[in-house]
Amino acid sequence: MTRTPHDQFAKQYLEELLTLLGKVETSRDVASEVREIDVYFIPVIPPPTDPQILGLLGKMAATTSVYEPFRNQPQRLEILDCQAKLNFVINQQKRKARRENTAYTEAEWPLLWILSPSCSARIIDGFGAKPDSSGQWPTGIYFLPDFQNTAIVAINQLPINQDTLWLRVLGKGQTQEQAILELEALPKGNPLRENLTELLASWHITIQVRDNINEDDKDLLMKLSPVYLRWREETLEEGVQRGVQQGEQRIKQMIENFLNVRFGSLDPELLAIIEPMLQLSPEELTPLLWSASREELLERFSE
């Protein structure tokens, strides 16, 4: 199950990027108990998009992989839990291969990527993780012993360049702030810039509507506010006020995203009120998306 707004954002963010290269599953169940893999990726060969567009993330996505992004540095037990989920998936695939009388070799086993904003020497040494010695991978990536099929990405240690941009957005503090600035500096017509900026804006709103906001949330809101305001100006005001068809479509998609994040899913009742909501001005629409309850929205917009 989704643990925090960061989990929801990270899953949507990685899905948006990795869909360019293959099949993506988020929140994949791995046992009868409530445990999920955040992102499970299977590459398409050949990839429909040049993997270089995603830089280091595209290189990581060359093989079947599992991604577990963390807002804070994971502790020992959290990493062990991720590895347990990886082992379950491998055994699940082995059983499926036996049923279907097909091969499932070790070369097909997924690699677990633990995406952490930072990583202490204690964690790295304790798991026997080592930086790459072949020169194929940059600083900040630590591979556990071979049979564990696991790597830890210390995002704050990655080189600051275009190649690592998409991973650094998932960092924290100055690392994330710098990456967001670089993302916004991309050309306005860049589809990744537009889609990911929308996800960042949705993340901002998700945090904004929470009842209990801690200091980390407040700091993040400050970093995301410029992104949200610019996105709102480009999308809400330009789209709704001018009545441009493309703008209206983006507003509709935005409303769907917000409702989905706030209420967990879009049932027929919620879908039915989206069109009436498009008639509101940005000044009326934004507060409603932030604070109105499901019952209040249905009462106001249902026919």
C-alpha atoms as a PDB file:
ATOM      1  CA  MET A   1       0.000   0.000   0.000  1.00  0.00           C
ATOM      2  CA  THR A   2       1.129   3.579  -0.566  1.00  0.00           C
ATOM      3  CA  ARG A   3       2.846   4.832   2.557  1.00  0.00           C
ATOM      4  CA  THR A   4       3.274   8.553   1.930  1.00  0.00           C
ATOM      5  CA  PRO A   5       2.658  11.212  -0.740  1.00  0.00           C
ATOM      6  CA  HIS A   6       6.314  10.694  -1.714  1.00  0.00           C
ATOM      7  CA  ASP A   7       5.615   7.026  -2.465  1.00  0.00           C
ATOM      8  CA  GLN A   8       2.699   7.978  -4.706  1.00  0.00           C
ATOM      9  CA  PHE A   9       4.769  10.606  -6.507  1.00  0.00           C
ATOM     10  CA  ALA A  10       7.827   8.357  -6.895  1.00  0.00           C
ATOM     11  CA  LYS A  11       5.762   5.530  -8.383  1.00  0.00           C
ATOM     12  CA  GLN A  12       4.006   7.834 -10.863  1.00  0.00           C
ATOM     13  CA  TYR A  13       7.308   9.546 -11.692  1.00  0.00           C
ATOM     14  CA  LEU A  14       9.188   6.314 -12.432  1.00  0.00           C
ATOM     15  CA  GLU A  15       6.204   4.934 -14.337  1.00  0.00           C
ATOM     16  CA  GLU A  16       6.092   8.055 -16.534  1.00  0.00           C
ATOM     17  CA  LEU A  17       9.774   7.654 -17.424  1.00  0.00           C
ATOM     18  CA  LEU A  18      10.137   3.873 -17.669  1.00  0.00           C
ATOM     19  CA  THR A  19       7.016   3.470 -19.827  1.00  0.00           C
ATOM     20  CA  LEU A  20       9.168   4.900 -22.616  1.00  0.00           C
ATOM     21  CA  LEU A  21      11.296   1.742 -22.533  1.00  0.00           C
ATOM     22  CA  GLY A  22       9.003  -1.122 -21.561  1.00  0.00           C
ATOM     23  CA  LYS A  23       6.228  -2.511 -19.382  1.00  0.00           C
ATOM     24  CA  VAL A  24       5.758  -1.012 -15.920  1.00  0.00           C
ATOM     25  CA  GLU A  25       3.783  -2.358 -12.962  1.00  0.00           C
ATOM     26  CA  THR A  26       3.373  -0.306  -9.789  1.00  0.00           C
ATOM     27  CA  SER A  27       2.290  -1.588  -6.369  1.00  0.00           C
ATOM     28  CA  ARG A  28       2.693  -5.203  -7.460  1.00  0.00           C
ATOM     29  CA  ASP A  29       1.448  -7.629  -4.778  1.00  0.00           C
ATOM     30  CA  VAL A  30       4.089 -10.125  -3.679  1.00  0.00           C
ATOM     31  CA  ALA A  31       2.351 -12.090  -0.920  1.00  0.00           C
ATOM     32  CA  SER A  32      -0.953 -12.728   0.798  1.00  0.00           C
ATOM     33  CA  GLU A  33       0.094 -10.237   3.439  1.00  0.00           C
ATOM     34  CA  VAL A  34      -0.100  -6.599   2.396  1.00  0.00           C
ATOM     35  CA  ARG A  35       3.305  -6.064   0.800  1.00  0.00           C
ATOM     36  CA  GLU A  36       3.928  -4.490  -2.566  1.00  0.00           C
ATOM     37  CA  ILE A  37       6.817  -3.841  -4.889  1.00  0.00           C
ATOM     38  CA  ASP A  38       6.825  -0.140  -5.703  1.00  0.00           C
ATOM     39  CA  VAL A  39       7.838  -0.407  -9.380  1.00  0.00           C
ATOM     40  CA  TYR A  40       8.417  -3.572 -11.425  1.00  0.00           C
ATOM     41  CA  PHE A  41       9.868  -3.025 -14.902  1.00  0.00           C
ATOM     42  CA  ILE A  42      10.246  -5.337 -17.907  1.00  0.00           C
ATOM     43  CA  PRO A  43      12.100  -3.827 -20.899  1.00  0.00           C
ATOM     44  CA  VAL A  44      10.795  -4.107 -24.426  1.00  0.00           C
ATOM     45  CA  ILE A  45      13.403  -5.326 -26.923  1.00  0.00           C
ATOM     46  CA  PRO A  46      14.134  -3.264 -28.915  1.00  0.00           C
ATOM     47  CA  PRO A  47      13.011  -0.316 -26.768  1.00  0.00           C
ATOM     48  CA  PRO A  48      10.402   1.981 -28.371  1.00  0.00           C
ATOM     49  CA  THR A  49      12.440   5.019 -27.252  1.00  0.00           C
ATOM     50  CA  ASP A  50      16.197   5.578 -27.175  1.00  0.00           C
ATOM     51  CA  PRO A  51      17.223   4.704 -23.573  1.00  0.00           C
ATOM     52  CA  GLN A  52      19.772   7.516 -23.640  1.00  0.00           C
ATOM     53  CA  ILE A  53      16.928  10.016 -23.213  1.00  0.00           C
ATOM     54  CA  LEU A  54      16.683   8.803 -19.599  1.00  0.00           C
ATOM     55  CA  GLY A  55      20.428   8.872 -19.018  1.00  0.00           C
ATOM     56  CA  LEU A  56      21.525   6.741 -16.070  1.00  0.00           C
ATOM     57  CA  LEU A  57      17.957   5.582 -15.406  1.00  0.00           C
ATOM     58  CA  GLY A  58      17.765   4.314 -18.991  1.00  0.00           C
ATOM     59  CA  LYS A  59      20.942   2.312 -18.418  1.00  0.00           C
ATOM     60  CA  MET A  60      19.487   0.817 -15.244  1.00  0.00           C
ATOM     61  CA  ALA A  61      16.379  -0.153 -17.220  1.00  0.00           C
ATOM     62  CA  ALA A  62      18.306  -2.293 -19.704  1.00  0.00           C
ATOM     63  CA  THR A  63      17.186  -5.406 -17.817  1.00  0.00           C
ATOM     64  CA  THR A  64      14.158  -6.501 -15.811  1.00  0.00           C
ATOM     65  CA  SER A  65      14.310  -4.550 -12.588  1.00  0.00           C
ATOM     66  CA  VAL A  66      12.597  -3.634  -9.345  1.00  0.00           C
ATOM     67  CA  TYR A  67      12.702  -0.058  -8.015  1.00  0.00           C
ATOM     68  CA  GLU A  68      12.147   0.828  -4.362  1.00  0.00           C
ATOM     69  CA  PRO A  69      12.410   4.622  -3.870  1.00  0.00           C
ATOM     70  CA  PHE A  70      12.759   6.021  -0.343  1.00  0.00           C
ATOM     71  CA  ARG A  71      12.181   9.563   0.897  1.00  0.00           C
ATOM     72  CA  ASN A  72      14.640   9.003   3.768  1.00  0.00           C
ATOM     73  CA  GLN A  73      17.617   6.691   3.985  1.00  0.00           C
ATOM     74  CA  PRO A  74      16.276   3.153   4.487  1.00  0.00           C
ATOM     75  CA  GLN A  75      17.295   1.237   7.569  1.00  0.00           C
ATOM     76  CA  ARG A  76      18.699  -2.285   7.598  1.00  0.00           C
ATOM     77  CA  LEU A  77      15.330  -4.001   8.039  1.00  0.00           C
ATOM     78  CA  GLU A  78      13.758  -1.959   5.231  1.00  0.00           C
ATOM     79  CA  ILE A  79      16.471  -3.079   2.817  1.00  0.00           C
ATOM     80  CA  LEU A  80      16.081  -6.683   3.965  1.00  0.00           C
ATOM     81  CA  ASP A  81      12.332  -6.367   3.367  1.00  0.00           C
ATOM     82  CA  CYS A  82      12.968  -5.145  -0.192  1.00  0.00           C
ATOM     83  CA  GLN A  83      15.222  -8.142  -0.792  1.00  0.00           C
ATOM     84  CA  ALA A  84      12.562 -10.485   0.585  1.00  0.00           C
ATOM     85  CA  LYS A  85      10.074  -9.074  -1.928  1.00  0.00           C
ATOM     86  CA  LEU A  86      12.633  -9.523  -4.719  1.00  0.00           C
ATOM     87  CA  ASN A  87      13.166 -13.160  -3.746  1.00  0.00           C
ATOM     88  CA  PHE A  88       9.416 -13.750  -3.700  1.00  0.00           C
ATOM     89  CA  VAL A  89       9.068 -12.381  -7.243  1.00  0.00           C
ATOM     90  CA  ILE A  90      11.935 -14.556  -8.491  1.00  0.00           C
ATOM     91  CA  ASN A  91      10.370 -17.678  -6.972  1.00  0.00           C
ATOM     92  CA  GLN A  92       6.974 -16.645  -8.335  1.00  0.00           C
ATOM     93  CA  GLN A  93       8.426 -16.417 -11.850  1.00  0.00           C
ATOM     94  CA  LYS A  94      10.209 -19.763 -11.436  1.00  0.00           C
ATOM     95  CA  ARG A  95       6.934 -21.465 -10.497  1.00  0.00           C
ATOM     96  CA  LYS A  96       5.209 -19.858 -13.468  1.00  0.00           C
ATOM     97  CA  ALA A  97       7.966 -21.088 -15.795  1.00  0.00           C
ATOM     98  CA  ARG A  98       7.578 -24.650 -14.479  1.00  0.00           C
ATOM     99  CA  ARG A  99       3.809 -24.546 -15.012  1.00  0.00           C
ATOM    100  CA  GLU A 100       4.252 -23.290 -18.560  1.00  0.00           C
ATOM    101  CA  ASN A 101       7.247 -25.544 -19.239  1.00  0.00           C
ATOM    102  CA  THR A 102       9.423 -22.586 -20.215  1.00  0.00           C
ATOM    103  CA  ALA A 103      12.918 -21.548 -19.198  1.00  0.00           C
ATOM    104  CA  TYR A 104      13.624 -18.942 -16.526  1.00  0.00           C
ATOM    105  CA  THR A 105      17.375 -18.483 -16.157  1.00  0.00           C
ATOM    106  CA  GLU A 106      19.342 -16.506 -13.585  1.00  0.00           C
ATOM    107  CA  ALA A 107      20.144 -13.982 -16.319  1.00  0.00           C
ATOM    108  CA  GLU A 108      16.424 -13.112 -16.371  1.00  0.00           C
ATOM    109  CA  TRP A 109      16.168 -12.484 -12.643  1.00  0.00           C
ATOM    110  CA  PRO A 110      15.360  -8.841 -11.875  1.00  0.00           C
ATOM    111  CA  LEU A 111      17.876  -6.510 -10.294  1.00  0.00           C
ATOM    112  CA  LEU A 112      16.697  -4.599  -7.232  1.00  0.00           C
ATOM    113  CA  TRP A 113      17.523  -0.873  -7.263  1.00  0.00           C
ATOM    114  CA  ILE A 114      17.129   0.814  -3.888  1.00  0.00           C
ATOM    115  CA  LEU A 115      16.849   4.555  -4.534  1.00  0.00           C
ATOM    116  CA  SER A 116      17.908   6.450  -1.422  1.00  0.00           C
ATOM    117  CA  PRO A 117      18.480  10.215  -0.993  1.00  0.00           C
ATOM    118  CA  SER A 118      21.676   9.325   0.890  1.00  0.00           C
ATOM    119  CA  CYS A 119      23.381   6.268   2.319  1.00  0.00           C
ATOM    120  CA  SER A 120      25.625   5.944   5.358  1.00  0.00           C
ATOM    121  CA  ALA A 121      28.921   4.075   5.427  1.00  0.00           C
ATOM    122  CA  ARG A 122      27.383   1.781   8.050  1.00  0.00           C
ATOM    123  CA  ILE A 123      24.671   0.615   5.637  1.00  0.00           C
ATOM    124  CA  ILE A 124      27.061   0.291   2.698  1.00  0.00           C
ATOM    125  CA  ASP A 125      29.674  -1.635   4.685  1.00  0.00           C
ATOM    126  CA  GLY A 126      27.095  -3.700   6.549  1.00  0.00           C
ATOM    127  CA  PHE A 127      25.631  -5.057   3.315  1.00  0.00           C
ATOM    128  CA  GLY A 128      29.034  -5.513   1.720  1.00  0.00           C
ATOM    129  CA  ALA A 129      28.141  -3.049  -1.034  1.00  0.00           C
ATOM    130  CA  LYS A 130      30.942  -1.833  -3.295  1.00  0.00           C
ATOM    131  CA  PRO A 131      31.205   0.922  -5.921  1.00  0.00           C
ATOM    132  CA  ASP A 132      31.613  -0.230  -9.501  1.00  0.00           C
ATOM    133  CA  SER A 133      35.257  -0.880 -10.375  1.00  0.00           C
ATOM    134  CA  SER A 134      34.747  -1.328 -14.120  1.00  0.00           C
ATOM    135  CA  GLY A 135      34.114   2.343 -14.832  1.00  0.00           C
ATOM    136  CA  GLN A 136      30.688   1.595 -16.311  1.00  0.00           C
ATOM    137  CA  TRP A 137      28.737   3.143 -13.439  1.00  0.00           C
ATOM    138  CA  PRO A 138      29.209   6.557 -11.785  1.00  0.00           C
ATOM    139  CA  THR A 139      29.912   7.344  -8.160  1.00  0.00           C
ATOM    140  CA  GLY A 140      26.946   6.940  -5.855  1.00  0.00           C
ATOM    141  CA  ILE A 141      25.997   3.434  -7.008  1.00  0.00           C
ATOM    142  CA  TYR A 142      26.905   0.534  -4.746  1.00  0.00           C
ATOM    143  CA  PHE A 143      26.472  -3.092  -5.767  1.00  0.00           C
ATOM    144  CA  LEU A 144      25.854  -5.766  -3.163  1.00  0.00           C
ATOM    145  CA  PRO A 145      27.569  -9.176  -3.578  1.00  0.00           C
ATOM    146  CA  ASP A 146      26.625 -10.878  -6.850  1.00  0.00           C
ATOM    147  CA  PHE A 147      24.104 -13.413  -5.590  1.00  0.00           C
ATOM    148  CA  GLN A 148      21.991 -10.695  -3.933  1.00  0.00           C
ATOM    149  CA  ASN A 149      20.962  -9.008  -7.220  1.00  0.00           C
ATOM    150  CA  THR A 150      20.774  -5.666  -5.435  1.00  0.00           C
ATOM    151  CA  ALA A 151      22.226  -2.183  -5.841  1.00  0.00           C
ATOM    152  CA  ILE A 152      21.892   0.904  -3.649  1.00  0.00           C
ATOM    153  CA  VAL A 153      21.780   4.320  -5.334  1.00  0.00           C
ATOM    154  CA  ALA A 154      22.912   7.116  -3.003  1.00  0.00           C
ATOM    155  CA  ILE A 155      21.312   9.954  -4.956  1.00  0.00           C
ATOM    156  CA  ASN A 156      23.208  12.765  -3.217  1.00  0.00           C
ATOM    157  CA  GLN A 157      26.500  11.199  -4.354  1.00  0.00           C
ATOM    158  CA  LEU A 158      25.612  11.046  -8.056  1.00  0.00           C
ATOM    159  CA  PRO A 159      27.474  13.413 -10.405  1.00  0.00           C
ATOM    160  CA  ILE A 160      25.500  16.555 -11.206  1.00  0.00           C
ATOM    161  CA  ASN A 161      24.889  16.309 -14.942  1.00  0.00           C
ATOM    162  CA  GLN A 162      22.118  15.684 -17.459  1.00  0.00           C
ATOM    163  CA  ASP A 163      22.741  11.941 -17.268  1.00  0.00           C
ATOM    164  CA  THR A 164      21.641  11.770 -13.611  1.00  0.00           C
ATOM    165  CA  LEU A 165      18.887  14.414 -13.692  1.00  0.00           C
ATOM    166  CA  TRP A 166      15.908  12.045 -13.621  1.00  0.00           C
ATOM    167  CA  LEU A 167      17.249  10.226 -10.564  1.00  0.00           C
ATOM    168  CA  ARG A 168      18.253  13.395  -8.710  1.00  0.00           C
ATOM    169  CA  VAL A 169      14.642  14.637  -8.830  1.00  0.00           C
ATOM    170  CA  LEU A 170      13.955  11.766  -6.400  1.00  0.00           C
ATOM    171  CA  GLY A 171      16.607  13.050  -3.997  1.00  0.00           C
ATOM    172  CA  LYS A 172      16.192  15.333  -1.025  1.00  0.00           C
ATOM    173  CA  GLY A 173      17.233  18.800   0.115  1.00  0.00           C
ATOM    174  CA  GLN A 174      19.683  20.674  -2.111  1.00  0.00           C
ATOM    175  CA  THR A 175      20.106  17.661  -4.395  1.00  0.00           C
ATOM    176  CA  GLN A 176      16.412  17.638  -5.258  1.00  0.00           C
ATOM    177  CA  GLU A 177      16.143  21.414  -5.388  1.00  0.00           C
ATOM    178  CA  GLN A 178      18.966  21.628  -7.951  1.00  0.00           C
ATOM    179  CA  ALA A 179      17.401  18.861 -10.041  1.00  0.00           C
ATOM    180  CA  ILE A 180      13.995  20.574 -10.061  1.00  0.00           C
ATOM    181  CA  LEU A 181      15.622  23.785 -11.291  1.00  0.00           C
ATOM    182  CA  GLU A 182      17.323  21.829 -14.085  1.00  0.00           C
ATOM    183  CA  LEU A 183      14.033  20.148 -14.984  1.00  0.00           C
ATOM    184  CA  GLU A 184      12.258  23.488 -15.230  1.00  0.00           C
ATOM    185  CA  ALA A 185      15.086  24.857 -17.377  1.00  0.00           C
ATOM    186  CA  LEU A 186      14.393  22.294 -20.098  1.00  0.00           C
ATOM    187  CA  PRO A 187      12.728  23.693 -23.245  1.00  0.00           C
ATOM    188  CA  LYS A 188       9.027  24.419 -22.759  1.00  0.00           C
ATOM    189  CA  GLY A 189       7.934  21.977 -25.451  1.00  0.00           C
ATOM    190  CA  ASN A 190       9.876  19.075 -23.941  1.00  0.00           C
ATOM    191  CA  PRO A 191       7.210  16.400 -23.220  1.00  0.00           C
ATOM    192  CA  LEU A 192       9.097  14.998 -20.233  1.00  0.00           C
ATOM    193  CA  ARG A 193       9.369  18.466 -18.723  1.00  0.00           C
ATOM    194  CA  GLU A 194       5.619  19.025 -19.076  1.00  0.00           C
ATOM    195  CA  ASN A 195       4.545  15.629 -17.750  1.00  0.00           C
ATOM    196  CA  LEU A 196       6.972  15.551 -14.829  1.00  0.00           C
ATOM    197  CA  THR A 197       6.248  19.150 -13.868  1.00  0.00           C
ATOM    198  CA  GLU A 198       2.585  18.179 -13.660  1.00  0.00           C
ATOM    199  CA  LEU A 199       3.496  15.294 -11.327  1.00  0.00           C
ATOM    200  CA  LEU A 200       5.527  17.650  -9.135  1.00  0.00           C
ATOM    201  CA  ALA A 201       2.586  20.058  -9.007  1.00  0.00           C
ATOM    202  CA  SER A 202       0.250  17.214  -8.029  1.00  0.00           C
ATOM    203  CA  TRP A 203       2.689  16.204  -5.301  1.00  0.00           C
ATOM    204  CA  HIS A 204       2.626  19.783  -4.005  1.00  0.00           C
ATOM    205  CA  ILE A 205      -1.168  19.723  -3.787  1.00  0.00           C
ATOM    206  CA  THR A 206      -1.215  16.292  -2.139  1.00  0.00           C
ATOM    207  CA  ILE A 207       1.060  17.543   0.637  1.00  0.00           C
ATOM    208  CA  GLN A 208      -0.860  20.815   0.923  1.00  0.00           C
ATOM    209  CA  VAL A 209      -4.136  19.080   1.757  1.00  0.00           C
ATOM    210  CA  ARG A 210      -2.693  16.873   4.487  1.00  0.00           C
ATOM    211  CA  ASP A 211      -3.797  17.556   8.036  1.00  0.00           C
ATOM    212  CA  ASN A 212      -0.432  17.014   9.722  1.00  0.00           C
ATOM    213  CA  ILE A 213       2.451  18.682   7.908  1.00  0.00           C
ATOM    214  CA  ASN A 214       5.905  18.154   9.422  1.00  0.00           C
ATOM    215  CA  GLU A 215       9.038  20.233   8.917  1.00  0.00           C
ATOM    216  CA  ASP A 216      10.199  18.083   6.014  1.00  0.00           C
ATOM    217  CA  ASP A 217       6.827  18.617   4.305  1.00  0.00           C
ATOM    218  CA  LYS A 218       7.056  22.377   4.849  1.00  0.00           C
ATOM    219  CA  ASP A 219      10.552  22.474   3.363  1.00  0.00           C
ATOM    220  CA  LEU A 220       9.398  20.428   0.386  1.00  0.00           C
ATOM    221  CA  LEU A 221       6.381  22.688  -0.155  1.00  0.00           C
ATOM    222  CA  MET A 222       8.714  25.677  -0.374  1.00  0.00           C
ATOM    223  CA  LYS A 223      10.787  23.924  -3.035  1.00  0.00           C
ATOM    224  CA  LEU A 224       7.751  22.790  -5.011  1.00  0.00           C
ATOM    225  CA  SER A 225       5.772  26.026  -4.760  1.00  0.00           C
ATOM    226  CA  PRO A 226       7.550  27.782  -7.676  1.00  0.00           C
ATOM    227  CA  VAL A 227       6.983  24.692  -9.832  1.00  0.00           C
ATOM    228  CA  TYR A 228       3.322  24.553  -8.873  1.00  0.00           C
ATOM    229  CA  LEU A 229       2.730  28.272  -9.452  1.00  0.00           C
ATOM    230  CA  ARG A 230       4.358  28.244 -12.884  1.00  0.00           C
ATOM    231  CA  TRP A 231       2.526  25.077 -13.844  1.00  0.00           C
ATOM    232  CA  ARG A 232      -0.755  26.564 -12.603  1.00  0.00           C
ATOM    233  CA  GLU A 233      -0.171  29.686 -14.655  1.00  0.00           C
ATOM    234  CA  GLU A 234       0.675  27.702 -17.776  1.00  0.00           C
ATOM    235  CA  THR A 235      -2.131  25.167 -17.381  1.00  0.00           C
ATOM    236  CA  LEU A 236      -5.019  26.457 -15.309  1.00  0.00           C
ATOM    237  CA  GLU A 237      -5.035  30.121 -16.227  1.00  0.00           C
ATOM    238  CA  GLU A 238      -3.973  29.820 -19.856  1.00  0.00           C
ATOM    239  CA  GLY A 239      -6.104  26.752 -20.469  1.00  0.00           C
ATOM    240  CA  VAL A 240      -9.338  27.577 -18.621  1.00  0.00           C
ATOM    241  CA  GLN A 241      -9.450  31.352 -19.091  1.00  0.00           C
ATOM    242  CA  ARG A 242      -8.713  31.243 -22.809  1.00  0.00           C
ATOM    243  CA  GLY A 243     -10.867  28.162 -23.352  1.00  0.00           C
ATOM    244  CA  VAL A 244      -8.276  26.566 -25.597  1.00  0.00           C
ATOM    245  CA  GLN A 245      -9.273  22.991 -26.371  1.00  0.00           C
ATOM    246  CA  GLN A 246      -5.845  21.599 -25.547  1.00  0.00           C
ATOM    247  CA  GLY A 247      -5.767  23.588 -22.341  1.00  0.00           C
ATOM    248  CA  GLU A 248      -9.173  22.241 -21.329  1.00  0.00           C
ATOM    249  CA  GLN A 249      -7.993  18.702 -21.950  1.00  0.00           C
ATOM    250  CA  ARG A 250      -4.976  19.261 -19.720  1.00  0.00           C
ATOM    251  CA  ILE A 251      -7.195  20.736 -17.006  1.00  0.00           C
ATOM    252  CA  LYS A 252      -9.450  17.686 -17.246  1.00  0.00           C
ATOM    253  CA  GLN A 253      -6.444  15.387 -16.904  1.00  0.00           C
ATOM    254  CA  MET A 254      -5.178  17.430 -13.979  1.00  0.00           C
ATOM    255  CA  ILE A 255      -8.534  17.138 -12.181  1.00  0.00           C
ATOM    256  CA  GLU A 256      -8.536  13.378 -12.778  1.00  0.00           C
ATOM    257  CA  ASN A 257      -5.019  13.101 -11.347  1.00  0.00           C
ATOM    258  CA  PHE A 258      -5.895  15.128  -8.260  1.00  0.00           C
ATOM    259  CA  LEU A 259      -9.081  13.170  -7.564  1.00  0.00           C
ATOM    260  CA  ASN A 260      -7.254   9.897  -8.071  1.00  0.00           C
ATOM    261  CA  VAL A 261      -4.487  10.885  -5.658  1.00  0.00           C
ATOM    262  CA  ARG A 262      -6.880  12.229  -3.024  1.00  0.00           C
ATOM    263  CA  PHE A 263      -9.466   9.452  -3.086  1.00  0.00           C
ATOM    264  CA  GLY A 264      -7.415   6.462  -4.249  1.00  0.00           C
ATOM    265  CA  SER A 265      -9.400   5.741  -7.427  1.00  0.00           C
ATOM    266  CA  LEU A 266     -11.867   7.241  -9.889  1.00  0.00           C
ATOM    267  CA  ASP A 267     -15.270   5.601  -9.655  1.00  0.00           C
ATOM    268  CA  PRO A 268     -18.217   6.512 -11.955  1.00  0.00           C
ATOM    269  CA  GLU A 269     -19.532   9.115  -9.493  1.00  0.00           C
ATOM    270  CA  LEU A 270     -16.262  11.053  -9.469  1.00  0.00           C
ATOM    271  CA  LEU A 271     -15.793  10.746 -13.231  1.00  0.00           C
ATOM    272  CA  ALA A 272     -19.264  12.216 -13.749  1.00  0.00           C
ATOM    273  CA  ILE A 273     -18.449  15.481 -11.961  1.00  0.00           C
ATOM    274  CA  ILE A 274     -15.251  16.308 -13.863  1.00  0.00           C
ATOM    275  CA  GLU A 275     -16.983  18.016 -16.797  1.00  0.00           C
ATOM    276  CA  PRO A 276     -19.018  20.372 -14.545  1.00  0.00           C
ATOM    277  CA  MET A 277     -15.833  21.274 -12.673  1.00  0.00           C
ATOM    278  CA  LEU A 278     -14.290  22.538 -15.914  1.00  0.00           C
ATOM    279  CA  GLN A 279     -16.747  25.438 -15.854  1.00  0.00           C
ATOM    280  CA  LEU A 280     -15.095  26.952 -12.776  1.00  0.00           C
ATOM    281  CA  SER A 281     -12.474  29.652 -12.872  1.00  0.00           C
ATOM    282  CA  PRO A 282      -8.953  28.800 -11.627  1.00  0.00           C
ATOM    283  CA  GLU A 283      -9.651  30.815  -8.470  1.00  0.00           C
ATOM    284  CA  GLU A 284     -12.688  28.639  -7.679  1.00  0.00           C
ATOM    285  CA  LEU A 285     -11.269  25.324  -8.866  1.00  0.00           C
ATOM    286  CA  THR A 286      -7.955  25.242  -7.024  1.00  0.00           C
ATOM    287  CA  PRO A 287      -9.278  25.559  -3.434  1.00  0.00           C
ATOM    288  CA  LEU A 288     -11.906  22.898  -4.133  1.00  0.00           C
ATOM    289  CA  LEU A 289      -9.299  20.434  -5.350  1.00  0.00           C
ATOM    290  CA  TRP A 290      -7.270  21.125  -2.246  1.00  0.00           C
ATOM    291  CA  SER A 291      -9.860  20.929   0.471  1.00  0.00           C
ATOM    292  CA  ALA A 292     -13.348  19.760  -0.547  1.00  0.00           C
ATOM    293  CA  SER A 293     -14.366  16.305   0.645  1.00  0.00           C
ATOM    294  CA  ARG A 294     -15.722  13.662  -1.708  1.00  0.00           C
ATOM    295  CA  GLU A 295     -19.243  14.234  -0.356  1.00  0.00           C
ATOM    296  CA  GLU A 296     -18.985  17.999  -0.841  1.00  0.00           C
ATOM    297  CA  LEU A 297     -17.797  17.596  -4.431  1.00  0.00           C
ATOM    298  CA  LEU A 298     -20.556  15.137  -5.297  1.00  0.00           C
ATOM    299  CA  GLU A 299     -23.220  17.309  -3.707  1.00  0.00           C
ATOM    300  CA  ARG A 300     -22.103  20.401  -5.588  1.00  0.00           C
ATOM    301  CA  PHE A 301     -21.489  18.947  -9.046  1.00  0.00           C
ATOM    302  CA  SER A 302     -23.809  15.946  -9.380  1.00  0.00           C
ATOM    303  CA  GLU A 303     -26.850  16.582 -11.529  1.00  0.00           C
END
